[in-house]
Amino acid sequence: MKLYSQSIKALMLTAALALPSMAFAAEPAMMKDGMMVDHKGMTVYTFDEDAGGKSMCNDDCAKNWPPMMAPAGAKAEGKWSVIKRDDGTSQYAYDGKPLYTFVNDKKPGDMVGDKMKNVWHVMHESQK
């Protein structure tokens, strides 16, 4: 019984030490070559029509400009926040700006959507 008790204590101590490092997931995107990219290396955009931390890109717009979706339970940290979309799903925002990728960017580093209709912009280092 003593060995069992020691094993449980060791397991609990290991879990307690691991939890603080597990509490903070990796940021949803990162800077690469001066622009923000998602974990697949795809360019991240902002939309000028978004205001007040709310996405105005829904339905057909969201098919062309997929929102950077946040998983259930995602939490705000630093300049990162999580907003609720009109359909009830969650989306990442940075410094209050909802974030998107672009369907016509086919490979990492593509920036086909930059300045599209003068309302879509690559999220740059200077904005971070």
C-alpha atoms as a PDB file:
ATOM      1  CA  MET A   1       0.000   0.000   0.000  1.00  0.00           C
ATOM      2  CA  LYS A   2       2.895   2.347   0.786  1.00  0.00           C
ATOM      3  CA  LEU A   3       4.305   1.950  -2.754  1.00  0.00           C
ATOM      4  CA  TYR A   4       0.859   2.692  -4.228  1.00  0.00           C
ATOM      5  CA  SER A   5       0.554   5.841  -2.096  1.00  0.00           C
ATOM      6  CA  GLN A   6       4.014   7.040  -3.154  1.00  0.00           C
ATOM      7  CA  SER A   7       3.186   6.403  -6.824  1.00  0.00           C
ATOM      8  CA  ILE A   8      -0.003   8.475  -6.562  1.00  0.00           C
ATOM      9  CA  LYS A   9       1.897  11.327  -4.876  1.00  0.00           C
ATOM     10  CA  ALA A  10       4.582  11.250  -7.568  1.00  0.00           C
ATOM     11  CA  LEU A  11       1.948  11.264 -10.308  1.00  0.00           C
ATOM     12  CA  MET A  12       0.124  14.208  -8.711  1.00  0.00           C
ATOM     13  CA  LEU A  13       3.370  16.158  -8.317  1.00  0.00           C
ATOM     14  CA  THR A  14       4.263  15.540 -11.965  1.00  0.00           C
ATOM     15  CA  ALA A  15       0.805  16.717 -13.059  1.00  0.00           C
ATOM     16  CA  ALA A  16       1.017  19.835 -10.868  1.00  0.00           C
ATOM     17  CA  LEU A  17       4.396  20.758 -12.338  1.00  0.00           C
ATOM     18  CA  ALA A  18       3.221  20.159 -15.911  1.00  0.00           C
ATOM     19  CA  LEU A  19      -0.039  22.115 -15.697  1.00  0.00           C
ATOM     20  CA  PRO A  20       1.425  25.648 -15.673  1.00  0.00           C
ATOM     21  CA  SER A  21       3.284  24.988 -18.925  1.00  0.00           C
ATOM     22  CA  MET A  22       0.203  23.404 -20.483  1.00  0.00           C
ATOM     23  CA  ALA A  23      -2.061  26.341 -19.560  1.00  0.00           C
ATOM     24  CA  PHE A  24      -0.585  28.563 -22.261  1.00  0.00           C
ATOM     25  CA  ALA A  25      -1.043  27.157 -25.749  1.00  0.00           C
ATOM     26  CA  ALA A  26       1.029  28.428 -28.637  1.00  0.00           C
ATOM     27  CA  GLU A  27      -0.100  31.712 -30.149  1.00  0.00           C
ATOM     28  CA  PRO A  28      -2.511  31.169 -33.058  1.00  0.00           C
ATOM     29  CA  ALA A  29      -0.169  32.937 -35.504  1.00  0.00           C
ATOM     30  CA  MET A  30       3.396  34.245 -35.633  1.00  0.00           C
ATOM     31  CA  MET A  31       5.509  36.797 -37.451  1.00  0.00           C
ATOM     32  CA  LYS A  32       7.595  35.586 -40.375  1.00  0.00           C
ATOM     33  CA  ASP A  33       9.467  37.869 -42.764  1.00  0.00           C
ATOM     34  CA  GLY A  34       7.643  40.882 -41.305  1.00  0.00           C
ATOM     35  CA  MET A  35       4.110  39.538 -41.755  1.00  0.00           C
ATOM     36  CA  MET A  36       1.779  37.441 -39.643  1.00  0.00           C
ATOM     37  CA  VAL A  37       1.235  33.840 -40.729  1.00  0.00           C
ATOM     38  CA  ASP A  38      -0.768  30.969 -39.285  1.00  0.00           C
ATOM     39  CA  HIS A  39       0.852  27.684 -38.235  1.00  0.00           C
ATOM     40  CA  LYS A  40       0.664  26.428 -41.829  1.00  0.00           C
ATOM     41  CA  GLY A  41       2.630  29.489 -42.987  1.00  0.00           C
ATOM     42  CA  MET A  42      -0.408  31.068 -44.669  1.00  0.00           C
ATOM     43  CA  THR A  43      -0.684  34.860 -44.673  1.00  0.00           C
ATOM     44  CA  VAL A  44      -3.017  36.452 -42.112  1.00  0.00           C
ATOM     45  CA  TYR A  45      -5.244  39.411 -43.042  1.00  0.00           C
ATOM     46  CA  THR A  46      -7.403  42.076 -41.416  1.00  0.00           C
ATOM     47  CA  PHE A  47     -10.607  43.578 -42.837  1.00  0.00           C
ATOM     48  CA  ASP A  48     -11.264  47.340 -42.654  1.00  0.00           C
ATOM     49  CA  GLU A  49     -15.024  46.816 -42.270  1.00  0.00           C
ATOM     50  CA  ASP A  50     -14.564  45.051 -38.911  1.00  0.00           C
ATOM     51  CA  ALA A  51     -15.203  47.377 -35.989  1.00  0.00           C
ATOM     52  CA  GLY A  52     -15.393  47.161 -32.237  1.00  0.00           C
ATOM     53  CA  GLY A  53     -13.866  43.687 -32.133  1.00  0.00           C
ATOM     54  CA  LYS A  54     -16.690  42.298 -34.296  1.00  0.00           C
ATOM     55  CA  SER A  55     -16.287  40.444 -37.577  1.00  0.00           C
ATOM     56  CA  MET A  56     -18.321  41.830 -40.461  1.00  0.00           C
ATOM     57  CA  CYS A  57     -17.188  39.017 -42.770  1.00  0.00           C
ATOM     58  CA  ASN A  58     -19.871  36.321 -42.725  1.00  0.00           C
ATOM     59  CA  ASP A  59     -21.559  33.892 -45.125  1.00  0.00           C
ATOM     60  CA  ASP A  60     -20.036  34.182 -48.658  1.00  0.00           C
ATOM     61  CA  CYS A  61     -17.375  36.576 -47.386  1.00  0.00           C
ATOM     62  CA  ALA A  62     -16.193  33.976 -44.847  1.00  0.00           C
ATOM     63  CA  LYS A  63     -15.986  31.353 -47.607  1.00  0.00           C
ATOM     64  CA  ASN A  64     -13.433  33.511 -49.441  1.00  0.00           C
ATOM     65  CA  TRP A  65     -11.799  34.886 -46.293  1.00  0.00           C
ATOM     66  CA  PRO A  66     -11.820  32.011 -43.788  1.00  0.00           C
ATOM     67  CA  PRO A  67     -11.758  33.349 -40.234  1.00  0.00           C
ATOM     68  CA  MET A  68      -8.959  32.146 -37.973  1.00  0.00           C
ATOM     69  CA  MET A  69     -11.196  29.984 -35.845  1.00  0.00           C
ATOM     70  CA  ALA A  70     -10.514  29.614 -32.134  1.00  0.00           C
ATOM     71  CA  PRO A  71     -11.208  26.297 -30.428  1.00  0.00           C
ATOM     72  CA  ALA A  72     -13.744  26.007 -27.637  1.00  0.00           C
ATOM     73  CA  GLY A  73     -12.229  27.253 -24.408  1.00  0.00           C
ATOM     74  CA  ALA A  74      -9.620  29.479 -26.088  1.00  0.00           C
ATOM     75  CA  LYS A  75      -8.735  32.395 -23.817  1.00  0.00           C
ATOM     76  CA  ALA A  76      -7.522  35.933 -24.378  1.00  0.00           C
ATOM     77  CA  GLU A  77      -3.838  36.463 -23.628  1.00  0.00           C
ATOM     78  CA  GLY A  78      -1.840  39.640 -24.161  1.00  0.00           C
ATOM     79  CA  LYS A  79      -2.996  41.262 -27.404  1.00  0.00           C
ATOM     80  CA  TRP A  80      -4.732  38.046 -28.486  1.00  0.00           C
ATOM     81  CA  SER A  81      -8.479  37.840 -27.933  1.00  0.00           C
ATOM     82  CA  VAL A  82     -11.351  35.598 -28.927  1.00  0.00           C
ATOM     83  CA  ILE A  83     -14.495  37.094 -30.443  1.00  0.00           C
ATOM     84  CA  LYS A  84     -17.911  35.559 -31.066  1.00  0.00           C
ATOM     85  CA  ARG A  85     -19.013  35.445 -34.683  1.00  0.00           C
ATOM     86  CA  ASP A  86     -22.607  35.913 -35.871  1.00  0.00           C
ATOM     87  CA  ASP A  87     -22.958  32.119 -36.183  1.00  0.00           C
ATOM     88  CA  GLY A  88     -21.858  31.616 -32.570  1.00  0.00           C
ATOM     89  CA  THR A  89     -18.401  30.235 -33.360  1.00  0.00           C
ATOM     90  CA  SER A  90     -15.211  31.790 -31.997  1.00  0.00           C
ATOM     91  CA  GLN A  91     -12.534  33.626 -33.969  1.00  0.00           C
ATOM     92  CA  TYR A  92      -9.099  34.902 -33.012  1.00  0.00           C
ATOM     93  CA  ALA A  93      -8.411  38.630 -33.026  1.00  0.00           C
ATOM     94  CA  TYR A  94      -5.162  40.487 -32.478  1.00  0.00           C
ATOM     95  CA  ASP A  95      -5.242  43.907 -30.847  1.00  0.00           C
ATOM     96  CA  GLY A  96      -9.015  43.890 -31.397  1.00  0.00           C
ATOM     97  CA  LYS A  97      -8.766  43.065 -35.123  1.00  0.00           C
ATOM     98  CA  PRO A  98     -10.397  39.800 -36.248  1.00  0.00           C
ATOM     99  CA  LEU A  99      -7.996  37.683 -38.335  1.00  0.00           C
ATOM    100  CA  TYR A 100      -8.506  35.798 -41.605  1.00  0.00           C
ATOM    101  CA  THR A 101      -6.691  33.866 -44.301  1.00  0.00           C
ATOM    102  CA  PHE A 102      -7.537  34.088 -48.028  1.00  0.00           C
ATOM    103  CA  VAL A 103      -8.849  31.198 -50.126  1.00  0.00           C
ATOM    104  CA  ASN A 104      -6.779  32.227 -53.183  1.00  0.00           C
ATOM    105  CA  ASP A 105      -3.487  32.067 -51.285  1.00  0.00           C
ATOM    106  CA  LYS A 106      -2.384  28.610 -52.404  1.00  0.00           C
ATOM    107  CA  LYS A 107       0.964  28.209 -50.656  1.00  0.00           C
ATOM    108  CA  PRO A 108       2.813  29.658 -47.676  1.00  0.00           C
ATOM    109  CA  GLY A 109       4.019  33.181 -48.393  1.00  0.00           C
ATOM    110  CA  ASP A 110       1.303  33.999 -50.957  1.00  0.00           C
ATOM    111  CA  MET A 111      -0.246  37.441 -50.377  1.00  0.00           C
ATOM    112  CA  VAL A 112      -2.841  37.505 -53.178  1.00  0.00           C
ATOM    113  CA  GLY A 113      -5.421  39.165 -50.920  1.00  0.00           C
ATOM    114  CA  ASP A 114      -3.280  42.115 -49.834  1.00  0.00           C
ATOM    115  CA  LYS A 115      -5.032  45.437 -50.591  1.00  0.00           C
ATOM    116  CA  MET A 116      -7.954  43.609 -52.244  1.00  0.00           C
ATOM    117  CA  LYS A 117     -10.760  46.147 -52.780  1.00  0.00           C
ATOM    118  CA  ASN A 118      -8.662  48.435 -50.539  1.00  0.00           C
ATOM    119  CA  VAL A 119     -10.225  46.807 -47.447  1.00  0.00           C
ATOM    120  CA  TRP A 120      -8.126  43.643 -46.931  1.00  0.00           C
ATOM    121  CA  HIS A 121      -4.585  43.963 -45.582  1.00  0.00           C
ATOM    122  CA  VAL A 122      -1.762  41.678 -44.571  1.00  0.00           C
ATOM    123  CA  MET A 123      -1.159  41.893 -40.821  1.00  0.00           C
ATOM    124  CA  HIS A 124       2.394  43.312 -40.668  1.00  0.00           C
ATOM    125  CA  GLU A 125       5.057  43.500 -37.991  1.00  0.00           C
ATOM    126  CA  SER A 126       4.396  47.246 -37.619  1.00  0.00           C
ATOM    127  CA  GLN A 127       0.831  46.442 -36.509  1.00  0.00           C
ATOM    128  CA  LYS A 128       1.966  44.019 -33.849  1.00  0.00           C
END
